[in-house]
Amino acid sequence: MVVTALRLLARLPLAWLHAAGAVLGRLVYWSSPTYAARLRENLRASGVCNGEAQCDALLRAAVAEAGKGAAELIAIWFGSDEKVAGLVVRVDGWEAAEAARARGKGVIFLTPHLGCFEITSLYVSQREPLVALYRPPKLRWLEPIMLAGRQRWHAVLAPANLRGVRLLYRTLQQGGQVGLLPDQAPGAGEGVWADFFGRPAYTMTLVMRLQRATGAAVVMGYAERLPGGHGYRLHAEELPAARLDEAGLNQAIETLVRGCPEQYLWSYNRYKIPAGAPSPETGTRAER
């Protein structure tokens, strides 16, 4: 019954869902002190805004955009294939991905928690098979819904464990495509400390290991949420090999975020110390 209701809601215009999501974002912000404090702290410490007035305005926009990100899942996970396929209305830099494919190597697509990261993998999977790494949600009942929503067209999900990582390696060795969230905090032993907006963040080493083992190209992009529910604008660029260590990876993400700071998921606990991982003061830290 719940899925049926969500499929009906998915027929609503994206503008309506975004408007409802903006309200939801504000409600969550005011009802959850922990969520609100983390969002404020991460945004203000990042340095992407100057002065109290600018930071307050950006904070309000970020709160609304976070709510839009939750509400738009209804359209993306439960909308028809035809409707979802039409959500990306403009693409900039896609020739980088096409050129990488033409070289006969695999491609690693990186999409940080910026804009609508759900639609990015689906855009790729409409054109070529894609294996995307995912972390199972804490709510077990949500996993089959999430899998159904994300595994459209030629998309396959690989769990964030040894089996999933092996699948990524095999896919790239065969010249295929994989997708990852590069700013997702890894587990203990799977990262090093590298600065992210001036603060140490435990950063995954998987991207560098995959690229060095397979020679794959690395393309980073995000889907900008357009105003008025007019869909998404996809931005993409290939990262040069010189930027593929963990510090360079974080710097590349920072560059994207500074271009659209209100749509970054500032509430994500990016600076946590995973259980069993060394602290930033004693652990390995990447430098540039």
C-alpha atoms as a PDB file:
ATOM      1  CA  MET A   1       0.000   0.000   0.000  1.00  0.00           C
ATOM      2  CA  VAL A   2       2.818   2.400   0.850  1.00  0.00           C
ATOM      3  CA  VAL A   3       4.598   1.743  -2.450  1.00  0.00           C
ATOM      4  CA  THR A   4       1.330   2.253  -4.339  1.00  0.00           C
ATOM      5  CA  ALA A   5       0.819   5.600  -2.621  1.00  0.00           C
ATOM      6  CA  LEU A   6       4.366   6.673  -3.441  1.00  0.00           C
ATOM      7  CA  ARG A   7       3.887   5.723  -7.096  1.00  0.00           C
ATOM      8  CA  LEU A   8       0.842   7.967  -7.173  1.00  0.00           C
ATOM      9  CA  LEU A   9       2.774  10.822  -5.559  1.00  0.00           C
ATOM     10  CA  ALA A  10       5.523  10.350  -8.150  1.00  0.00           C
ATOM     11  CA  ARG A  11       3.064  11.536 -10.785  1.00  0.00           C
ATOM     12  CA  LEU A  12       3.026  14.988  -9.207  1.00  0.00           C
ATOM     13  CA  PRO A  13       5.107  17.720 -10.844  1.00  0.00           C
ATOM     14  CA  LEU A  14       8.671  17.837  -9.549  1.00  0.00           C
ATOM     15  CA  ALA A  15       8.071  21.467  -8.555  1.00  0.00           C
ATOM     16  CA  TRP A  16       5.341  20.358  -6.139  1.00  0.00           C
ATOM     17  CA  LEU A  17       7.564  17.710  -4.576  1.00  0.00           C
ATOM     18  CA  HIS A  18      10.403  20.219  -4.199  1.00  0.00           C
ATOM     19  CA  ALA A  19       8.068  22.752  -2.581  1.00  0.00           C
ATOM     20  CA  ALA A  20       6.882  20.139  -0.089  1.00  0.00           C
ATOM     21  CA  GLY A  21      10.478  19.051   0.461  1.00  0.00           C
ATOM     22  CA  ALA A  22      11.577  22.592   1.317  1.00  0.00           C
ATOM     23  CA  VAL A  23       8.924  22.704   4.037  1.00  0.00           C
ATOM     24  CA  LEU A  24       9.978  19.255   5.250  1.00  0.00           C
ATOM     25  CA  GLY A  25      13.602  20.387   5.394  1.00  0.00           C
ATOM     26  CA  ARG A  26      12.722  23.295   7.656  1.00  0.00           C
ATOM     27  CA  LEU A  27      10.588  21.089   9.911  1.00  0.00           C
ATOM     28  CA  VAL A  28      13.405  18.581  10.351  1.00  0.00           C
ATOM     29  CA  TYR A  29      15.905  21.353  10.990  1.00  0.00           C
ATOM     30  CA  TRP A  30      13.822  22.904  13.769  1.00  0.00           C
ATOM     31  CA  SER A  31      12.792  19.584  15.315  1.00  0.00           C
ATOM     32  CA  SER A  32      16.234  17.942  15.465  1.00  0.00           C
ATOM     33  CA  PRO A  33      18.872  19.891  17.409  1.00  0.00           C
ATOM     34  CA  THR A  34      21.609  17.381  16.550  1.00  0.00           C
ATOM     35  CA  TYR A  35      20.889  17.565  12.834  1.00  0.00           C
ATOM     36  CA  ALA A  36      20.665  21.357  12.929  1.00  0.00           C
ATOM     37  CA  ALA A  37      23.892  21.769  14.891  1.00  0.00           C
ATOM     38  CA  ARG A  38      25.887  19.541  12.529  1.00  0.00           C
ATOM     39  CA  LEU A  39      24.521  21.289   9.452  1.00  0.00           C
ATOM     40  CA  ARG A  40      25.345  24.754  10.866  1.00  0.00           C
ATOM     41  CA  GLU A  41      28.801  23.721  12.055  1.00  0.00           C
ATOM     42  CA  ASN A  42      29.848  22.062   8.784  1.00  0.00           C
ATOM     43  CA  LEU A  43      28.575  24.907   6.641  1.00  0.00           C
ATOM     44  CA  ARG A  44      30.050  27.757   8.674  1.00  0.00           C
ATOM     45  CA  ALA A  45      33.402  26.015   9.232  1.00  0.00           C
ATOM     46  CA  SER A  46      33.777  25.383   5.508  1.00  0.00           C
ATOM     47  CA  GLY A  47      34.451  29.018   4.661  1.00  0.00           C
ATOM     48  CA  VAL A  48      32.098  28.995   1.655  1.00  0.00           C
ATOM     49  CA  CYS A  49      30.276  32.064   2.991  1.00  0.00           C
ATOM     50  CA  ASN A  50      31.509  35.414   4.285  1.00  0.00           C
ATOM     51  CA  GLY A  51      29.763  37.406   6.956  1.00  0.00           C
ATOM     52  CA  GLU A  52      26.778  36.647   9.133  1.00  0.00           C
ATOM     53  CA  ALA A  53      24.132  37.741   6.622  1.00  0.00           C
ATOM     54  CA  GLN A  54      25.544  35.660   3.771  1.00  0.00           C
ATOM     55  CA  CYS A  55      25.982  32.604   5.977  1.00  0.00           C
ATOM     56  CA  ASP A  56      22.440  32.909   7.332  1.00  0.00           C
ATOM     57  CA  ALA A  57      21.037  33.129   3.795  1.00  0.00           C
ATOM     58  CA  LEU A  58      23.087  30.134   2.671  1.00  0.00           C
ATOM     59  CA  LEU A  59      21.997  28.187   5.751  1.00  0.00           C
ATOM     60  CA  ARG A  60      18.326  28.780   4.957  1.00  0.00           C
ATOM     61  CA  ALA A  61      18.861  27.707   1.355  1.00  0.00           C
ATOM     62  CA  ALA A  62      20.806  24.581   2.401  1.00  0.00           C
ATOM     63  CA  VAL A  63      18.049  23.542   4.818  1.00  0.00           C
ATOM     64  CA  ALA A  64      15.448  23.821   2.050  1.00  0.00           C
ATOM     65  CA  GLU A  65      17.625  22.028  -0.512  1.00  0.00           C
ATOM     66  CA  ALA A  66      18.218  19.127   1.884  1.00  0.00           C
ATOM     67  CA  GLY A  67      14.463  18.708   2.170  1.00  0.00           C
ATOM     68  CA  LYS A  68      14.096  18.830  -1.610  1.00  0.00           C
ATOM     69  CA  GLY A  69      16.695  16.072  -1.853  1.00  0.00           C
ATOM     70  CA  ALA A  70      14.560  13.821   0.322  1.00  0.00           C
ATOM     71  CA  ALA A  71      11.271  14.601  -1.424  1.00  0.00           C
ATOM     72  CA  GLU A  72      12.625  14.139  -4.944  1.00  0.00           C
ATOM     73  CA  LEU A  73      13.369  10.496  -4.157  1.00  0.00           C
ATOM     74  CA  ILE A  74       9.659   9.907  -4.689  1.00  0.00           C
ATOM     75  CA  ALA A  75       9.935  11.059  -8.302  1.00  0.00           C
ATOM     76  CA  ILE A  76      13.211   9.243  -8.944  1.00  0.00           C
ATOM     77  CA  TRP A  77      12.548   5.923  -7.221  1.00  0.00           C
ATOM     78  CA  PHE A  78       8.843   5.604  -8.002  1.00  0.00           C
ATOM     79  CA  GLY A  79       8.364   7.580 -11.208  1.00  0.00           C
ATOM     80  CA  SER A  80       7.959   5.908 -14.584  1.00  0.00           C
ATOM     81  CA  ASP A  81      11.052   5.215 -16.662  1.00  0.00           C
ATOM     82  CA  GLU A  82       9.898   7.793 -19.190  1.00  0.00           C
ATOM     83  CA  LYS A  83       9.499  10.513 -16.560  1.00  0.00           C
ATOM     84  CA  VAL A  84      12.793   9.780 -14.824  1.00  0.00           C
ATOM     85  CA  ALA A  85      14.658   9.685 -18.145  1.00  0.00           C
ATOM     86  CA  GLY A  86      13.473  13.228 -18.867  1.00  0.00           C
ATOM     87  CA  LEU A  87      14.567  14.780 -15.572  1.00  0.00           C
ATOM     88  CA  VAL A  88      18.088  15.641 -16.774  1.00  0.00           C
ATOM     89  CA  VAL A  89      17.471  18.552 -19.123  1.00  0.00           C
ATOM     90  CA  ARG A  90      21.034  19.768 -19.713  1.00  0.00           C
ATOM     91  CA  VAL A  91      24.460  18.130 -19.638  1.00  0.00           C
ATOM     92  CA  ASP A  92      27.801  19.937 -19.534  1.00  0.00           C
ATOM     93  CA  GLY A  93      31.107  18.113 -19.980  1.00  0.00           C
ATOM     94  CA  TRP A  94      29.721  14.694 -20.883  1.00  0.00           C
ATOM     95  CA  GLU A  95      32.247  14.474 -23.698  1.00  0.00           C
ATOM     96  CA  ALA A  96      34.839  13.707 -20.999  1.00  0.00           C
ATOM     97  CA  ALA A  97      33.024  10.462 -20.173  1.00  0.00           C
ATOM     98  CA  GLU A  98      32.569   9.607 -23.841  1.00  0.00           C
ATOM     99  CA  ALA A  99      36.257  10.202 -24.561  1.00  0.00           C
ATOM    100  CA  ALA A 100      37.240   7.971 -21.640  1.00  0.00           C
ATOM    101  CA  ARG A 101      35.000   5.195 -22.935  1.00  0.00           C
ATOM    102  CA  ALA A 102      36.456   5.583 -26.414  1.00  0.00           C
ATOM    103  CA  ARG A 103      39.949   4.884 -25.038  1.00  0.00           C
ATOM    104  CA  GLY A 104      38.798   1.387 -24.137  1.00  0.00           C
ATOM    105  CA  LYS A 105      39.463   1.746 -20.410  1.00  0.00           C
ATOM    106  CA  GLY A 106      36.988   1.477 -17.585  1.00  0.00           C
ATOM    107  CA  VAL A 107      35.460   4.599 -16.083  1.00  0.00           C
ATOM    108  CA  ILE A 108      35.044   5.458 -12.404  1.00  0.00           C
ATOM    109  CA  PHE A 109      32.166   7.904 -11.955  1.00  0.00           C
ATOM    110  CA  LEU A 110      32.334   9.942  -8.755  1.00  0.00           C
ATOM    111  CA  THR A 111      29.305  11.801  -7.453  1.00  0.00           C
ATOM    112  CA  PRO A 112      29.603  13.583  -4.092  1.00  0.00           C
ATOM    113  CA  HIS A 113      26.679  14.447  -1.823  1.00  0.00           C
ATOM    114  CA  LEU A 114      25.894  17.449  -3.995  1.00  0.00           C
ATOM    115  CA  GLY A 115      22.674  18.210  -5.829  1.00  0.00           C
ATOM    116  CA  CYS A 116      20.641  15.165  -6.832  1.00  0.00           C
ATOM    117  CA  PHE A 117      23.228  12.403  -6.674  1.00  0.00           C
ATOM    118  CA  GLU A 118      20.522   9.768  -7.233  1.00  0.00           C
ATOM    119  CA  ILE A 119      19.768  10.934 -10.781  1.00  0.00           C
ATOM    120  CA  THR A 120      23.433  10.964 -11.849  1.00  0.00           C
ATOM    121  CA  SER A 121      23.905   7.195 -11.757  1.00  0.00           C
ATOM    122  CA  LEU A 122      20.582   6.659 -13.507  1.00  0.00           C
ATOM    123  CA  TYR A 123      21.608   9.022 -16.294  1.00  0.00           C
ATOM    124  CA  VAL A 124      24.746   6.947 -16.828  1.00  0.00           C
ATOM    125  CA  SER A 125      22.901   3.632 -16.617  1.00  0.00           C
ATOM    126  CA  GLN A 126      20.506   4.648 -19.395  1.00  0.00           C
ATOM    127  CA  ARG A 127      23.489   4.685 -21.747  1.00  0.00           C
ATOM    128  CA  GLU A 128      25.910   2.049 -20.484  1.00  0.00           C
ATOM    129  CA  PRO A 129      25.953  -0.668 -17.804  1.00  0.00           C
ATOM    130  CA  LEU A 130      26.987   0.764 -14.434  1.00  0.00           C
ATOM    131  CA  VAL A 131      27.929  -0.975 -11.175  1.00  0.00           C
ATOM    132  CA  ALA A 132      27.381   1.423  -8.272  1.00  0.00           C
ATOM    133  CA  LEU A 133      28.668   0.872  -4.751  1.00  0.00           C
ATOM    134  CA  TYR A 134      26.051   1.351  -2.050  1.00  0.00           C
ATOM    135  CA  ARG A 135      25.822   1.080   1.704  1.00  0.00           C
ATOM    136  CA  PRO A 136      22.724  -0.794   2.928  1.00  0.00           C
ATOM    137  CA  PRO A 137      20.442   1.507   4.961  1.00  0.00           C
ATOM    138  CA  LYS A 138      20.045   1.043   8.691  1.00  0.00           C
ATOM    139  CA  LEU A 139      16.315   0.538   8.191  1.00  0.00           C
ATOM    140  CA  ARG A 140      16.144  -2.943   6.671  1.00  0.00           C
ATOM    141  CA  TRP A 141      12.654  -2.439   5.220  1.00  0.00           C
ATOM    142  CA  LEU A 142      13.997   0.452   3.136  1.00  0.00           C
ATOM    143  CA  GLU A 143      16.619  -1.619   1.300  1.00  0.00           C
ATOM    144  CA  PRO A 144      14.357  -3.425  -1.223  1.00  0.00           C
ATOM    145  CA  ILE A 145      12.667  -0.112  -2.037  1.00  0.00           C
ATOM    146  CA  MET A 146      16.020   1.565  -2.551  1.00  0.00           C
ATOM    147  CA  LEU A 147      17.308  -1.286  -4.711  1.00  0.00           C
ATOM    148  CA  ALA A 148      14.203  -1.176  -6.897  1.00  0.00           C
ATOM    149  CA  GLY A 149      14.516   2.582  -7.333  1.00  0.00           C
ATOM    150  CA  ARG A 150      18.224   2.593  -8.138  1.00  0.00           C
ATOM    151  CA  GLN A 151      18.503  -0.512 -10.312  1.00  0.00           C
ATOM    152  CA  ARG A 152      16.910   0.883 -13.455  1.00  0.00           C
ATOM    153  CA  TRP A 153      18.015   0.314 -17.014  1.00  0.00           C
ATOM    154  CA  HIS A 154      21.593  -1.049 -16.870  1.00  0.00           C
ATOM    155  CA  ALA A 155      22.360  -0.193 -13.221  1.00  0.00           C
ATOM    156  CA  VAL A 156      23.549  -2.856 -10.768  1.00  0.00           C
ATOM    157  CA  LEU A 157      24.242  -2.170  -7.091  1.00  0.00           C
ATOM    158  CA  ALA A 158      27.265  -3.624  -5.292  1.00  0.00           C
ATOM    159  CA  PRO A 159      27.248  -3.678  -1.475  1.00  0.00           C
ATOM    160  CA  ALA A 160      30.017  -1.781   0.304  1.00  0.00           C
ATOM    161  CA  ASN A 161      31.897  -4.897   1.399  1.00  0.00           C
ATOM    162  CA  LEU A 162      34.663  -7.117   0.037  1.00  0.00           C
ATOM    163  CA  ARG A 163      32.317  -8.843  -2.399  1.00  0.00           C
ATOM    164  CA  GLY A 164      31.141  -5.520  -3.766  1.00  0.00           C
ATOM    165  CA  VAL A 165      34.653  -4.115  -4.127  1.00  0.00           C
ATOM    166  CA  ARG A 166      35.734  -7.225  -6.033  1.00  0.00           C
ATOM    167  CA  LEU A 167      32.830  -6.673  -8.402  1.00  0.00           C
ATOM    168  CA  LEU A 168      34.038  -3.107  -8.996  1.00  0.00           C
ATOM    169  CA  TYR A 169      37.534  -4.378  -9.835  1.00  0.00           C
ATOM    170  CA  ARG A 170      36.219  -6.991 -12.249  1.00  0.00           C
ATOM    171  CA  THR A 171      33.967  -4.484 -13.963  1.00  0.00           C
ATOM    172  CA  LEU A 172      36.794  -2.006 -14.512  1.00  0.00           C
ATOM    173  CA  GLN A 173      39.207  -4.691 -15.687  1.00  0.00           C
ATOM    174  CA  GLN A 174      36.633  -5.600 -18.336  1.00  0.00           C
ATOM    175  CA  GLY A 175      36.391  -1.964 -19.458  1.00  0.00           C
ATOM    176  CA  GLY A 176      33.103  -1.288 -17.688  1.00  0.00           C
ATOM    177  CA  GLN A 177      31.826   1.571 -15.551  1.00  0.00           C
ATOM    178  CA  VAL A 178      31.455   1.909 -11.790  1.00  0.00           C
ATOM    179  CA  GLY A 179      30.048   4.616  -9.542  1.00  0.00           C
ATOM    180  CA  LEU A 180      30.972   5.779  -6.030  1.00  0.00           C
ATOM    181  CA  LEU A 181      30.207   8.547  -3.547  1.00  0.00           C
ATOM    182  CA  PRO A 182      33.744   9.888  -2.962  1.00  0.00           C
ATOM    183  CA  ASP A 183      32.882  11.894   0.162  1.00  0.00           C
ATOM    184  CA  GLN A 184      31.281   8.988   1.986  1.00  0.00           C
ATOM    185  CA  ALA A 185      33.126   8.226   5.216  1.00  0.00           C
ATOM    186  CA  PRO A 186      34.796   4.794   4.857  1.00  0.00           C
ATOM    187  CA  GLY A 187      35.179   2.161   7.515  1.00  0.00           C
ATOM    188  CA  ALA A 188      38.289   1.671   9.637  1.00  0.00           C
ATOM    189  CA  GLY A 189      41.295   0.634   7.574  1.00  0.00           C
ATOM    190  CA  GLU A 190      39.686   1.848   4.344  1.00  0.00           C
ATOM    191  CA  GLY A 191      40.796   5.476   4.465  1.00  0.00           C
ATOM    192  CA  VAL A 192      43.374   8.062   5.442  1.00  0.00           C
ATOM    193  CA  TRP A 193      42.995  11.491   6.975  1.00  0.00           C
ATOM    194  CA  ALA A 194      42.969  14.310   4.423  1.00  0.00           C
ATOM    195  CA  ASP A 195      41.809  17.902   4.756  1.00  0.00           C
ATOM    196  CA  PHE A 196      38.309  18.698   3.556  1.00  0.00           C
ATOM    197  CA  PHE A 197      37.399  22.368   3.817  1.00  0.00           C
ATOM    198  CA  GLY A 198      40.293  22.873   6.208  1.00  0.00           C
ATOM    199  CA  ARG A 199      39.464  20.049   8.621  1.00  0.00           C
ATOM    200  CA  PRO A 200      40.726  16.454   8.641  1.00  0.00           C
ATOM    201  CA  ALA A 201      38.189  14.011   7.192  1.00  0.00           C
ATOM    202  CA  TYR A 202      38.640  10.260   6.980  1.00  0.00           C
ATOM    203  CA  THR A 203      38.806   9.819   3.208  1.00  0.00           C
ATOM    204  CA  MET A 204      38.398   6.627   1.189  1.00  0.00           C
ATOM    205  CA  THR A 205      41.449   5.134  -0.503  1.00  0.00           C
ATOM    206  CA  LEU A 206      39.288   2.968  -2.771  1.00  0.00           C
ATOM    207  CA  VAL A 207      39.204   5.429  -5.667  1.00  0.00           C
ATOM    208  CA  MET A 208      42.981   5.582  -5.909  1.00  0.00           C
ATOM    209  CA  ARG A 209      43.356   1.816  -5.504  1.00  0.00           C
ATOM    210  CA  LEU A 210      40.801   1.074  -8.218  1.00  0.00           C
ATOM    211  CA  GLN A 211      42.361   3.520 -10.645  1.00  0.00           C
ATOM    212  CA  ARG A 212      45.924   2.343 -10.121  1.00  0.00           C
ATOM    213  CA  ALA A 213      44.968  -1.313 -10.423  1.00  0.00           C
ATOM    214  CA  THR A 214      42.939  -0.918 -13.608  1.00  0.00           C
ATOM    215  CA  GLY A 215      44.096   2.281 -15.323  1.00  0.00           C
ATOM    216  CA  ALA A 216      40.500   3.479 -15.430  1.00  0.00           C
ATOM    217  CA  ALA A 217      39.572   7.086 -16.153  1.00  0.00           C
ATOM    218  CA  VAL A 218      37.979   9.037 -13.300  1.00  0.00           C
ATOM    219  CA  VAL A 219      35.059  11.341 -14.078  1.00  0.00           C
ATOM    220  CA  MET A 220      33.510  13.487 -11.358  1.00  0.00           C
ATOM    221  CA  GLY A 221      30.161  15.171 -11.674  1.00  0.00           C
ATOM    222  CA  TYR A 222      26.917  16.164 -10.044  1.00  0.00           C
ATOM    223  CA  ALA A 223      23.337  16.952 -11.004  1.00  0.00           C
ATOM    224  CA  GLU A 224      22.439  20.529 -10.127  1.00  0.00           C
ATOM    225  CA  ARG A 225      18.865  20.940  -8.944  1.00  0.00           C
ATOM    226  CA  LEU A 226      17.273  23.599 -11.173  1.00  0.00           C
ATOM    227  CA  PRO A 227      14.829  26.147  -9.715  1.00  0.00           C
ATOM    228  CA  GLY A 228      11.106  25.784 -10.186  1.00  0.00           C
ATOM    229  CA  GLY A 229      11.254  22.001 -10.501  1.00  0.00           C
ATOM    230  CA  HIS A 230      12.618  22.276 -14.036  1.00  0.00           C
ATOM    231  CA  GLY A 231      14.785  19.174 -13.667  1.00  0.00           C
ATOM    232  CA  TYR A 232      18.536  18.829 -13.350  1.00  0.00           C
ATOM    233  CA  ARG A 233      21.674  20.071 -15.054  1.00  0.00           C
ATOM    234  CA  LEU A 234      24.436  17.476 -15.083  1.00  0.00           C
ATOM    235  CA  HIS A 235      28.035  18.675 -14.767  1.00  0.00           C
ATOM    236  CA  ALA A 236      30.941  16.305 -15.520  1.00  0.00           C
ATOM    237  CA  GLU A 237      34.716  16.523 -15.871  1.00  0.00           C
ATOM    238  CA  GLU A 238      37.582  14.055 -15.992  1.00  0.00           C
ATOM    239  CA  LEU A 239      40.094  14.301 -13.173  1.00  0.00           C
ATOM    240  CA  PRO A 240      43.751  14.157 -14.207  1.00  0.00           C
ATOM    241  CA  ALA A 241      45.846  11.374 -12.707  1.00  0.00           C
ATOM    242  CA  ALA A 242      47.853  13.917 -10.700  1.00  0.00           C
ATOM    243  CA  ARG A 243      44.748  14.731  -8.609  1.00  0.00           C
ATOM    244  CA  LEU A 244      43.852  11.167  -7.730  1.00  0.00           C
ATOM    245  CA  ASP A 245      45.327  10.923  -4.263  1.00  0.00           C
ATOM    246  CA  GLU A 246      43.005  11.464  -1.318  1.00  0.00           C
ATOM    247  CA  ALA A 247      43.935  15.109  -0.722  1.00  0.00           C
ATOM    248  CA  GLY A 248      43.463  15.925  -4.395  1.00  0.00           C
ATOM    249  CA  LEU A 249      40.143  14.107  -4.409  1.00  0.00           C
ATOM    250  CA  ASN A 250      38.857  16.237  -1.535  1.00  0.00           C
ATOM    251  CA  GLN A 251      40.070  19.384  -3.255  1.00  0.00           C
ATOM    252  CA  ALA A 252      38.177  18.420  -6.421  1.00  0.00           C
ATOM    253  CA  ILE A 253      35.005  17.931  -4.361  1.00  0.00           C
ATOM    254  CA  GLU A 254      35.532  21.298  -2.675  1.00  0.00           C
ATOM    255  CA  THR A 255      35.714  22.972  -6.077  1.00  0.00           C
ATOM    256  CA  LEU A 256      32.368  21.494  -7.087  1.00  0.00           C
ATOM    257  CA  VAL A 257      30.748  22.433  -3.783  1.00  0.00           C
ATOM    258  CA  ARG A 258      31.932  26.039  -3.953  1.00  0.00           C
ATOM    259  CA  GLY A 259      30.113  26.345  -7.261  1.00  0.00           C
ATOM    260  CA  CYS A 260      26.781  25.288  -5.713  1.00  0.00           C
ATOM    261  CA  PRO A 261      27.190  25.368  -1.899  1.00  0.00           C
ATOM    262  CA  GLU A 262      23.486  25.481  -1.047  1.00  0.00           C
ATOM    263  CA  GLN A 263      22.987  22.037  -2.587  1.00  0.00           C
ATOM    264  CA  TYR A 264      25.702  20.234  -0.640  1.00  0.00           C
ATOM    265  CA  LEU A 265      24.523  17.869   2.085  1.00  0.00           C
ATOM    266  CA  TRP A 266      26.128  19.762   4.974  1.00  0.00           C
ATOM    267  CA  SER A 267      24.259  17.628   7.499  1.00  0.00           C
ATOM    268  CA  TYR A 268      26.277  14.546   6.506  1.00  0.00           C
ATOM    269  CA  ASN A 269      28.638  13.514   9.315  1.00  0.00           C
ATOM    270  CA  ARG A 270      31.737  13.849   7.144  1.00  0.00           C
ATOM    271  CA  TYR A 271      34.178  14.411  10.011  1.00  0.00           C
ATOM    272  CA  LYS A 272      33.311  11.442  12.179  1.00  0.00           C
ATOM    273  CA  ILE A 273      35.967   9.002  13.373  1.00  0.00           C
ATOM    274  CA  PRO A 274      34.827   5.508  12.287  1.00  0.00           C
ATOM    275  CA  ALA A 275      34.897   2.838  14.974  1.00  0.00           C
ATOM    276  CA  GLY A 276      38.378   1.351  15.097  1.00  0.00           C
ATOM    277  CA  ALA A 277      39.973   4.054  12.948  1.00  0.00           C
ATOM    278  CA  PRO A 278      42.927   6.115  14.248  1.00  0.00           C
ATOM    279  CA  SER A 279      42.253   9.664  15.336  1.00  0.00           C
ATOM    280  CA  PRO A 280      43.345  12.513  13.028  1.00  0.00           C
ATOM    281  CA  GLU A 281      46.178  13.331  15.419  1.00  0.00           C
ATOM    282  CA  THR A 282      47.681   9.829  15.410  1.00  0.00           C
ATOM    283  CA  GLY A 283      46.495   8.336  12.104  1.00  0.00           C
ATOM    284  CA  THR A 284      47.822   8.489   8.558  1.00  0.00           C
ATOM    285  CA  ARG A 285      47.124  11.800   6.890  1.00  0.00           C
ATOM    286  CA  ALA A 286      47.403  12.598   3.207  1.00  0.00           C
ATOM    287  CA  GLU A 287      49.321  15.733   2.312  1.00  0.00           C
ATOM    288  CA  ARG A 288      49.759  17.699  -0.880  1.00  0.00           C
END
